[in-house]
PDB file of N, CA and C in Angstrom:
ATOM      1  N   UNK A   1      62.330 102.448 121.128  1.00  0.00           N
ATOM      2  CA  UNK A   1      60.960 102.719 120.785  1.00  0.00           C
ATOM      3  C   UNK A   1      60.121 101.521 121.163  1.00  0.00           C
ATOM      4  N   UNK A   2      59.074 101.681 121.941  1.00  0.00           N
ATOM      5  CA  UNK A   2      58.238 100.553 122.326  1.00  0.00           C
ATOM      6  C   UNK A   2      57.366 100.124 121.160  1.00  0.00           C
ATOM      7  N   UNK A   3      57.197  98.815 120.974  1.00  0.00           N
ATOM      8  CA  UNK A   3      56.370  98.344 119.872  1.00  0.00           C
ATOM      9  C   UNK A   3      54.901  98.662 120.130  1.00  0.00           C
ATOM     10  N   UNK A   4      54.150  98.840 119.049  1.00  0.00           N
ATOM     11  CA  UNK A   4      52.720  99.074 119.204  1.00  0.00           C
ATOM     12  C   UNK A   4      52.055  97.752 119.575  1.00  0.00           C
ATOM     13  N   UNK A   5      50.856  97.796 120.160  1.00  0.00           N
ATOM     14  CA  UNK A   5      50.214  96.562 120.599  1.00  0.00           C
ATOM     15  C   UNK A   5      49.991  95.546 119.481  1.00  0.00           C
ATOM     16  N   UNK A   6      49.820  96.023 118.241  1.00  0.00           N
ATOM     17  CA  UNK A   6      49.546  95.113 117.130  1.00  0.00           C
ATOM     18  C   UNK A   6      50.822  94.597 116.479  1.00  0.00           C
ATOM     19  N   UNK A   7      51.983  95.076 116.889  1.00  0.00           N
ATOM     20  CA  UNK A   7      53.217  94.638 116.250  1.00  0.00           C
ATOM     21  C   UNK A   7      53.884  93.535 117.055  1.00  0.00           C
ATOM     22  N   UNK A   8      54.732  92.792 116.363  1.00  0.00           N
ATOM     23  CA  UNK A   8      55.502  91.730 117.000  1.00  0.00           C
ATOM     24  C   UNK A   8      56.816  91.587 116.252  1.00  0.00           C
ATOM     25  N   UNK A   9      57.715  90.855 116.825  1.00  0.00           N
ATOM     26  CA  UNK A   9      59.030  90.646 116.233  1.00  0.00           C
ATOM     27  C   UNK A   9      58.904  89.768 114.985  1.00  0.00           C
ATOM     28  N   UNK A  10      59.714  90.024 114.000  1.00  0.00           N
ATOM     29  CA  UNK A  10      59.666  89.239 112.765  1.00  0.00           C
ATOM     30  C   UNK A  10      59.959  87.756 113.035  1.00  0.00           C
ATOM     31  N   UNK A  11      60.723  87.468 114.079  1.00  0.00           N
ATOM     32  CA  UNK A  11      61.031  86.067 114.397  1.00  0.00           C
ATOM     33  C   UNK A  11      59.812  85.320 114.906  1.00  0.00           C
ATOM     34  N   UNK A  12      58.747  86.040 115.296  1.00  0.00           N
ATOM     35  CA  UNK A  12      57.515  85.399 115.776  1.00  0.00           C
ATOM     36  C   UNK A  12      56.620  84.942 114.630  1.00  0.00           C
ATOM     37  N   UNK A  13      56.943  85.334 113.399  1.00  0.00           N
ATOM     38  CA  UNK A  13      56.142  84.921 112.253  1.00  0.00           C
ATOM     39  C   UNK A  13      56.353  83.447 111.950  1.00  0.00           C
ATOM     40  N   UNK A  14      55.319  82.805 111.453  1.00  0.00           N
ATOM     41  CA  UNK A  14      55.413  81.414 111.018  1.00  0.00           C
ATOM     42  C   UNK A  14      55.932  81.374 109.587  1.00  0.00           C
ATOM     43  N   UNK A  15      56.496  80.255 109.191  1.00  0.00           N
ATOM     44  CA  UNK A  15      56.950  80.077 107.810  1.00  0.00           C
ATOM     45  C   UNK A  15      55.753  80.252 106.885  1.00  0.00           C
ATOM     46  N   UNK A  16      55.912  81.068 105.863  1.00  0.00           N
ATOM     47  CA  UNK A  16      54.845  81.342 104.917  1.00  0.00           C
ATOM     48  C   UNK A  16      54.001  82.550 105.271  1.00  0.00           C
ATOM     49  N   UNK A  17      54.161  83.071 106.471  1.00  0.00           N
ATOM     50  CA  UNK A  17      53.375  84.230 106.908  1.00  0.00           C
ATOM     51  C   UNK A  17      53.979  85.515 106.336  1.00  0.00           C
ATOM     52  N   UNK A  18      53.095  86.403 105.873  1.00  0.00           N
ATOM     53  CA  UNK A  18      53.507  87.686 105.310  1.00  0.00           C
ATOM     54  C   UNK A  18      53.050  88.786 106.269  1.00  0.00           C
ATOM     55  N   UNK A  19      53.917  89.766 106.477  1.00  0.00           N
ATOM     56  CA  UNK A  19      53.584  90.894 107.352  1.00  0.00           C
ATOM     57  C   UNK A  19      54.259  92.148 106.809  1.00  0.00           C
ATOM     58  N   UNK A  20      53.873  93.262 107.376  1.00  0.00           N
ATOM     59  CA  UNK A  20      54.391  94.563 106.985  1.00  0.00           C
ATOM     60  C   UNK A  20      55.394  95.028 108.035  1.00  0.00           C
ATOM     61  N   UNK A  21      56.559  95.506 107.605  1.00  0.00           N
ATOM     62  CA  UNK A  21      57.536  96.020 108.558  1.00  0.00           C
ATOM     63  C   UNK A  21      56.975  97.293 109.182  1.00  0.00           C
ATOM     64  N   UNK A  22      56.839  97.278 110.511  1.00  0.00           N
ATOM     65  CA  UNK A  22      56.292  98.425 111.239  1.00  0.00           C
ATOM     66  C   UNK A  22      57.404  99.338 111.747  1.00  0.00           C
ATOM     67  N   UNK A  23      58.520  98.749 112.182  1.00  0.00           N
ATOM     68  CA  UNK A  23      59.619  99.544 112.727  1.00  0.00           C
ATOM     69  C   UNK A  23      60.894  98.716 112.740  1.00  0.00           C
ATOM     70  N   UNK A  24      62.012  99.403 112.651  1.00  0.00           N
ATOM     71  CA  UNK A  24      63.329  98.772 112.770  1.00  0.00           C
ATOM     72  C   UNK A  24      64.097  99.544 113.836  1.00  0.00           C
ATOM     73  N   UNK A  25      64.592  98.839 114.833  1.00  0.00           N
ATOM     74  CA  UNK A  25      65.364  99.472 115.908  1.00  0.00           C
ATOM     75  C   UNK A  25      66.791  99.693 115.409  1.00  0.00           C
ATOM     76  N   UNK A  26      66.990 100.763 114.668  1.00  0.00           N
ATOM     77  CA  UNK A  26      68.302 101.050 114.080  1.00  0.00           C
ATOM     78  C   UNK A  26      69.348 101.368 115.143  1.00  0.00           C
ATOM     79  N   UNK A  27      68.913 101.811 116.327  1.00  0.00           N
ATOM     80  CA  UNK A  27      69.852 102.106 117.408  1.00  0.00           C
ATOM     81  C   UNK A  27      70.525 100.836 117.912  1.00  0.00           C
ATOM     82  N   UNK A  28      69.889  99.684 117.712  1.00  0.00           N
ATOM     83  CA  UNK A  28      70.461  98.417 118.147  1.00  0.00           C
ATOM     84  C   UNK A  28      71.420  97.814 117.141  1.00  0.00           C
ATOM     85  N   UNK A  29      71.632  98.500 116.015  1.00  0.00           N
ATOM     86  CA  UNK A  29      72.502  98.006 114.953  1.00  0.00           C
ATOM     87  C   UNK A  29      73.693  98.926 114.753  1.00  0.00           C
ATOM     88  N   UNK A  30      74.778  98.362 114.281  1.00  0.00           N
ATOM     89  CA  UNK A  30      75.910  99.190 113.859  1.00  0.00           C
ATOM     90  C   UNK A  30      75.446 100.018 112.656  1.00  0.00           C
ATOM     91  N   UNK A  31      75.949 101.244 112.504  1.00  0.00           N
ATOM     92  CA  UNK A  31      75.491 102.091 111.398  1.00  0.00           C
ATOM     93  C   UNK A  31      75.634 101.446 110.024  1.00  0.00           C
ATOM     94  N   UNK A  32      76.729 100.739 109.779  1.00  0.00           N
ATOM     95  CA  UNK A  32      76.899 100.100 108.474  1.00  0.00           C
ATOM     96  C   UNK A  32      75.911  98.950 108.272  1.00  0.00           C
ATOM     97  N   UNK A  33      75.560  98.253 109.354  1.00  0.00           N
ATOM     98  CA  UNK A  33      74.577  97.172 109.270  1.00  0.00           C
ATOM     99  C   UNK A  33      73.186  97.733 109.009  1.00  0.00           C
ATOM    100  N   UNK A  34      72.828  98.816 109.675  1.00  0.00           N
ATOM    101  CA  UNK A  34      71.537  99.462 109.443  1.00  0.00           C
ATOM    102  C   UNK A  34      71.430  99.944 108.000  1.00  0.00           C
ATOM    103  N   UNK A  35      72.516 100.501 107.482  1.00  0.00           N
ATOM    104  CA  UNK A  35      72.543 100.962 106.089  1.00  0.00           C
ATOM    105  C   UNK A  35      72.384  99.785 105.132  1.00  0.00           C
ATOM    106  N   UNK A  36      73.042  98.690 105.426  1.00  0.00           N
ATOM    107  CA  UNK A  36      72.961  97.496 104.560  1.00  0.00           C
ATOM    108  C   UNK A  36      71.546  96.937 104.538  1.00  0.00           C
ATOM    109  N   UNK A  37      70.886  96.880 105.695  1.00  0.00           N
ATOM    110  CA  UNK A  37      69.497  96.414 105.731  1.00  0.00           C
ATOM    111  C   UNK A  37      68.610  97.292 104.856  1.00  0.00           C
ATOM    112  N   UNK A  38      68.829  98.594 104.931  1.00  0.00           N
ATOM    113  CA  UNK A  38      68.066  99.527 104.105  1.00  0.00           C
ATOM    114  C   UNK A  38      68.327  99.268 102.620  1.00  0.00           C
ATOM    115  N   UNK A  39      69.576  99.047 102.258  1.00  0.00           N
ATOM    116  CA  UNK A  39      69.936  98.768 100.867  1.00  0.00           C
ATOM    117  C   UNK A  39      69.305  97.463 100.367  1.00  0.00           C
ATOM    118  N   UNK A  40      69.118  96.501 101.290  1.00  0.00           N
ATOM    119  CA  UNK A  40      68.503  95.234 100.918  1.00  0.00           C
ATOM    120  C   UNK A  40      66.978  95.327 100.817  1.00  0.00           C
ATOM    121  N   UNK A  41      66.408  96.459 101.237  1.00  0.00           N
ATOM    122  CA  UNK A  41      64.973  96.661 101.112  1.00  0.00           C
ATOM    123  C   UNK A  41      64.206  96.612 102.412  1.00  0.00           C
ATOM    124  N   UNK A  42      64.897  96.423 103.540  1.00  0.00           N
ATOM    125  CA  UNK A  42      64.227  96.416 104.838  1.00  0.00           C
ATOM    126  C   UNK A  42      63.959  97.854 105.256  1.00  0.00           C
ATOM    127  N   UNK A  43      62.697  98.239 105.179  1.00  0.00           N
ATOM    128  CA  UNK A  43      62.301  99.586 105.564  1.00  0.00           C
ATOM    129  C   UNK A  43      60.841  99.539 106.013  1.00  0.00           C
ATOM    130  N   UNK A  44      60.439 100.505 106.807  1.00  0.00           N
ATOM    131  CA  UNK A  44      59.071 100.562 107.284  1.00  0.00           C
ATOM    132  C   UNK A  44      58.106 100.590 106.102  1.00  0.00           C
ATOM    133  N   UNK A  45      57.021  99.814 106.209  1.00  0.00           N
ATOM    134  CA  UNK A  45      56.001  99.786 105.162  1.00  0.00           C
ATOM    135  C   UNK A  45      56.201  98.737 104.091  1.00  0.00           C
ATOM    136  N   UNK A  46      57.267  97.951 104.186  1.00  0.00           N
ATOM    137  CA  UNK A  46      57.570  96.928 103.179  1.00  0.00           C
ATOM    138  C   UNK A  46      57.062  95.566 103.658  1.00  0.00           C
ATOM    139  N   UNK A  47      56.505  94.783 102.735  1.00  0.00           N
ATOM    140  CA  UNK A  47      56.057  93.425 103.059  1.00  0.00           C
ATOM    141  C   UNK A  47      57.243  92.482 103.165  1.00  0.00           C
ATOM    142  N   UNK A  48      57.191  91.590 104.152  1.00  0.00           N
ATOM    143  CA  UNK A  48      58.198  90.549 104.307  1.00  0.00           C
ATOM    144  C   UNK A  48      57.492  89.219 104.508  1.00  0.00           C
ATOM    145  N   UNK A  49      58.154  88.152 104.104  1.00  0.00           N
ATOM    146  CA  UNK A  49      57.618  86.801 104.264  1.00  0.00           C
ATOM    147  C   UNK A  49      58.718  85.890 104.792  1.00  0.00           C
ATOM    148  N   UNK A  50      58.402  85.086 105.780  1.00  0.00           N
ATOM    149  CA  UNK A  50      59.348  84.100 106.291  1.00  0.00           C
ATOM    150  C   UNK A  50      59.279  82.887 105.370  1.00  0.00           C
ATOM    151  N   UNK A  51      60.400  82.533 104.775  1.00  0.00           N
ATOM    152  CA  UNK A  51      60.441  81.412 103.842  1.00  0.00           C
ATOM    153  C   UNK A  51      60.935  80.119 104.470  1.00  0.00           C
ATOM    154  N   UNK A  52      61.889  80.238 105.393  1.00  0.00           N
ATOM    155  CA  UNK A  52      62.527  79.035 105.932  1.00  0.00           C
ATOM    156  C   UNK A  52      63.233  79.372 107.235  1.00  0.00           C
ATOM    157  N   UNK A  53      63.272  78.394 108.104  1.00  0.00           N
ATOM    158  CA  UNK A  53      64.065  78.495 109.337  1.00  0.00           C
ATOM    159  C   UNK A  53      65.086  77.363 109.323  1.00  0.00           C
ATOM    160  N   UNK A  54      66.282  77.659 109.749  1.00  0.00           N
ATOM    161  CA  UNK A  54      67.314  76.625 109.821  1.00  0.00           C
ATOM    162  C   UNK A  54      66.909  75.576 110.856  1.00  0.00           C
ATOM    163  N   UNK A  55      67.292  74.327 110.638  1.00  0.00           N
ATOM    164  CA  UNK A  55      66.979  73.304 111.638  1.00  0.00           C
ATOM    165  C   UNK A  55      67.792  73.533 112.916  1.00  0.00           C
ATOM    166  N   UNK A  56      67.377  72.897 113.980  1.00  0.00           N
ATOM    167  CA  UNK A  56      68.099  72.933 115.252  1.00  0.00           C
ATOM    168  C   UNK A  56      68.231  74.351 115.800  1.00  0.00           C
ATOM    169  N   UNK A  57      67.125  74.980 116.050  1.00  0.00           N
ATOM    170  CA  UNK A  57      67.141  76.304 116.656  1.00  0.00           C
ATOM    171  C   UNK A  57      66.629  77.401 115.751  1.00  0.00           C
ATOM    172  N   UNK A  58      66.539  77.155 114.466  1.00  0.00           N
ATOM    173  CA  UNK A  58      65.962  78.131 113.548  1.00  0.00           C
ATOM    174  C   UNK A  58      66.779  79.369 113.277  1.00  0.00           C
ATOM    175  N   UNK A  59      68.093  79.313 113.436  1.00  0.00           N
ATOM    176  CA  UNK A  59      68.941  80.479 113.197  1.00  0.00           C
ATOM    177  C   UNK A  59      69.974  80.126 112.140  1.00  0.00           C
ATOM    178  N   UNK A  60      69.964  80.780 110.989  1.00  0.00           N
ATOM    179  CA  UNK A  60      69.236  81.976 110.598  1.00  0.00           C
ATOM    180  C   UNK A  60      67.857  81.651 110.011  1.00  0.00           C
ATOM    181  N   UNK A  61      67.136  82.731 109.647  1.00  0.00           N
ATOM    182  CA  UNK A  61      65.863  82.588 108.962  1.00  0.00           C
ATOM    183  C   UNK A  61      66.021  83.178 107.565  1.00  0.00           C
ATOM    184  N   UNK A  62      65.287  82.608 106.600  1.00  0.00           N
ATOM    185  CA  UNK A  62      65.269  83.144 105.237  1.00  0.00           C
ATOM    186  C   UNK A  62      64.018  83.994 105.099  1.00  0.00           C
ATOM    187  N   UNK A  63      64.203  85.221 104.659  1.00  0.00           N
ATOM    188  CA  UNK A  63      63.124  86.198 104.561  1.00  0.00           C
ATOM    189  C   UNK A  63      63.060  86.730 103.139  1.00  0.00           C
ATOM    190  N   UNK A  64      61.845  86.797 102.583  1.00  0.00           N
ATOM    191  CA  UNK A  64      61.674  87.454 101.280  1.00  0.00           C
ATOM    192  C   UNK A  64      61.259  88.896 101.559  1.00  0.00           C
ATOM    193  N   UNK A  65      62.008  89.824 101.016  1.00  0.00           N
ATOM    194  CA  UNK A  65      61.690  91.250 101.109  1.00  0.00           C
ATOM    195  C   UNK A  65      61.770  91.780  99.682  1.00  0.00           C
ATOM    196  N   UNK A  66      60.639  92.216  99.155  1.00  0.00           N
ATOM    197  CA  UNK A  66      60.586  92.594  97.747  1.00  0.00           C
ATOM    198  C   UNK A  66      60.832  91.356  96.890  1.00  0.00           C
ATOM    199  N   UNK A  67      61.781  91.440  95.968  1.00  0.00           N
ATOM    200  CA  UNK A  67      62.136  90.306  95.115  1.00  0.00           C
ATOM    201  C   UNK A  67      63.392  89.589  95.591  1.00  0.00           C
ATOM    202  N   UNK A  68      63.865  89.941  96.768  1.00  0.00           N
ATOM    203  CA  UNK A  68      65.104  89.358  97.280  1.00  0.00           C
ATOM    204  C   UNK A  68      64.826  88.372  98.395  1.00  0.00           C
ATOM    205  N   UNK A  69      65.707  87.387  98.518  1.00  0.00           N
ATOM    206  CA  UNK A  69      65.680  86.467  99.646  1.00  0.00           C
ATOM    207  C   UNK A  69      66.948  86.735 100.444  1.00  0.00           C
ATOM    208  N   UNK A  70      66.757  86.994 101.749  1.00  0.00           N
ATOM    209  CA  UNK A  70      67.864  87.378 102.619  1.00  0.00           C
ATOM    210  C   UNK A  70      67.868  86.460 103.831  1.00  0.00           C
ATOM    211  N   UNK A  71      69.045  85.998 104.223  1.00  0.00           N
ATOM    212  CA  UNK A  71      69.189  85.229 105.457  1.00  0.00           C
ATOM    213  C   UNK A  71      69.537  86.198 106.573  1.00  0.00           C
ATOM    214  N   UNK A  72      68.771  86.135 107.662  1.00  0.00           N
ATOM    215  CA  UNK A  72      69.015  87.002 108.818  1.00  0.00           C
ATOM    216  C   UNK A  72      69.262  86.161 110.054  1.00  0.00           C
ATOM    217  N   UNK A  73      70.267  86.521 110.813  1.00  0.00           N
ATOM    218  CA  UNK A  73      70.471  85.914 112.125  1.00  0.00           C
ATOM    219  C   UNK A  73      69.347  86.392 113.033  1.00  0.00           C
ATOM    220  N   UNK A  74      68.931  85.563 113.957  1.00  0.00           N
ATOM    221  CA  UNK A  74      67.801  85.898 114.825  1.00  0.00           C
ATOM    222  C   UNK A  74      68.068  87.116 115.699  1.00  0.00           C
ATOM    223  N   UNK A  75      69.314  87.339 116.114  1.00  0.00           N
ATOM    224  CA  UNK A  75      69.589  88.518 116.930  1.00  0.00           C
ATOM    225  C   UNK A  75      69.365  89.808 116.145  1.00  0.00           C
ATOM    226  N   UNK A  76      69.657  89.807 114.842  1.00  0.00           N
ATOM    227  CA  UNK A  76      69.397  90.971 114.017  1.00  0.00           C
ATOM    228  C   UNK A  76      67.907  91.062 113.682  1.00  0.00           C
ATOM    229  N   UNK A  77      67.285  89.932 113.380  1.00  0.00           N
ATOM    230  CA  UNK A  77      65.860  89.913 113.046  1.00  0.00           C
ATOM    231  C   UNK A  77      65.007  90.380 114.222  1.00  0.00           C
ATOM    232  N   UNK A  78      65.490  90.155 115.446  1.00  0.00           N
ATOM    233  CA  UNK A  78      64.734  90.557 116.636  1.00  0.00           C
ATOM    234  C   UNK A  78      64.567  92.074 116.723  1.00  0.00           C
ATOM    235  N   UNK A  79      65.324  92.831 115.967  1.00  0.00           N
ATOM    236  CA  UNK A  79      65.236  94.284 115.974  1.00  0.00           C
ATOM    237  C   UNK A  79      64.221  94.801 114.955  1.00  0.00           C
ATOM    238  N   UNK A  80      63.562  93.880 114.238  1.00  0.00           N
ATOM    239  CA  UNK A  80      62.585  94.263 113.218  1.00  0.00           C
ATOM    240  C   UNK A  80      61.188  93.924 113.720  1.00  0.00           C
ATOM    241  N   UNK A  81      60.350  94.946 113.863  1.00  0.00           N
ATOM    242  CA  UNK A  81      58.959  94.763 114.302  1.00  0.00           C
ATOM    243  C   UNK A  81      58.058  94.739 113.075  1.00  0.00           C
ATOM    244  N   UNK A  82      57.099  93.813 113.072  1.00  0.00           N
ATOM    245  CA  UNK A  82      56.154  93.706 111.947  1.00  0.00           C
ATOM    246  C   UNK A  82      54.721  93.795 112.466  1.00  0.00           C
ATOM    247  N   UNK A  83      53.824  94.136 111.572  1.00  0.00           N
ATOM    248  CA  UNK A  83      52.393  94.172 111.868  1.00  0.00           C
ATOM    249  C   UNK A  83      51.690  93.350 110.795  1.00  0.00           C
ATOM    250  N   UNK A  84      50.674  92.630 111.187  1.00  0.00           N
ATOM    251  CA  UNK A  84      49.946  91.758 110.246  1.00  0.00           C
ATOM    252  C   UNK A  84      49.084  92.533 109.309  1.00  0.00           C
TER     253      UNK A  84
END
């Protein structure tokens, strides 16, 4: 699915920036991984905030989704599109 002009990858967000999940490329994930992301609260229409990036390359990133803090590898995070 092509991203809309106003959307961008979650990895493009700055630390402290909050955005709305616009789309998740579930086809790029294993079915159990896609299900786990959903269980953790990653779904279209949910607010996310970048809390921290690891030093030396920024992988993984810490993301707040709902009341949870989740560490995501950048390759998985790249499949999540957000809109401001």
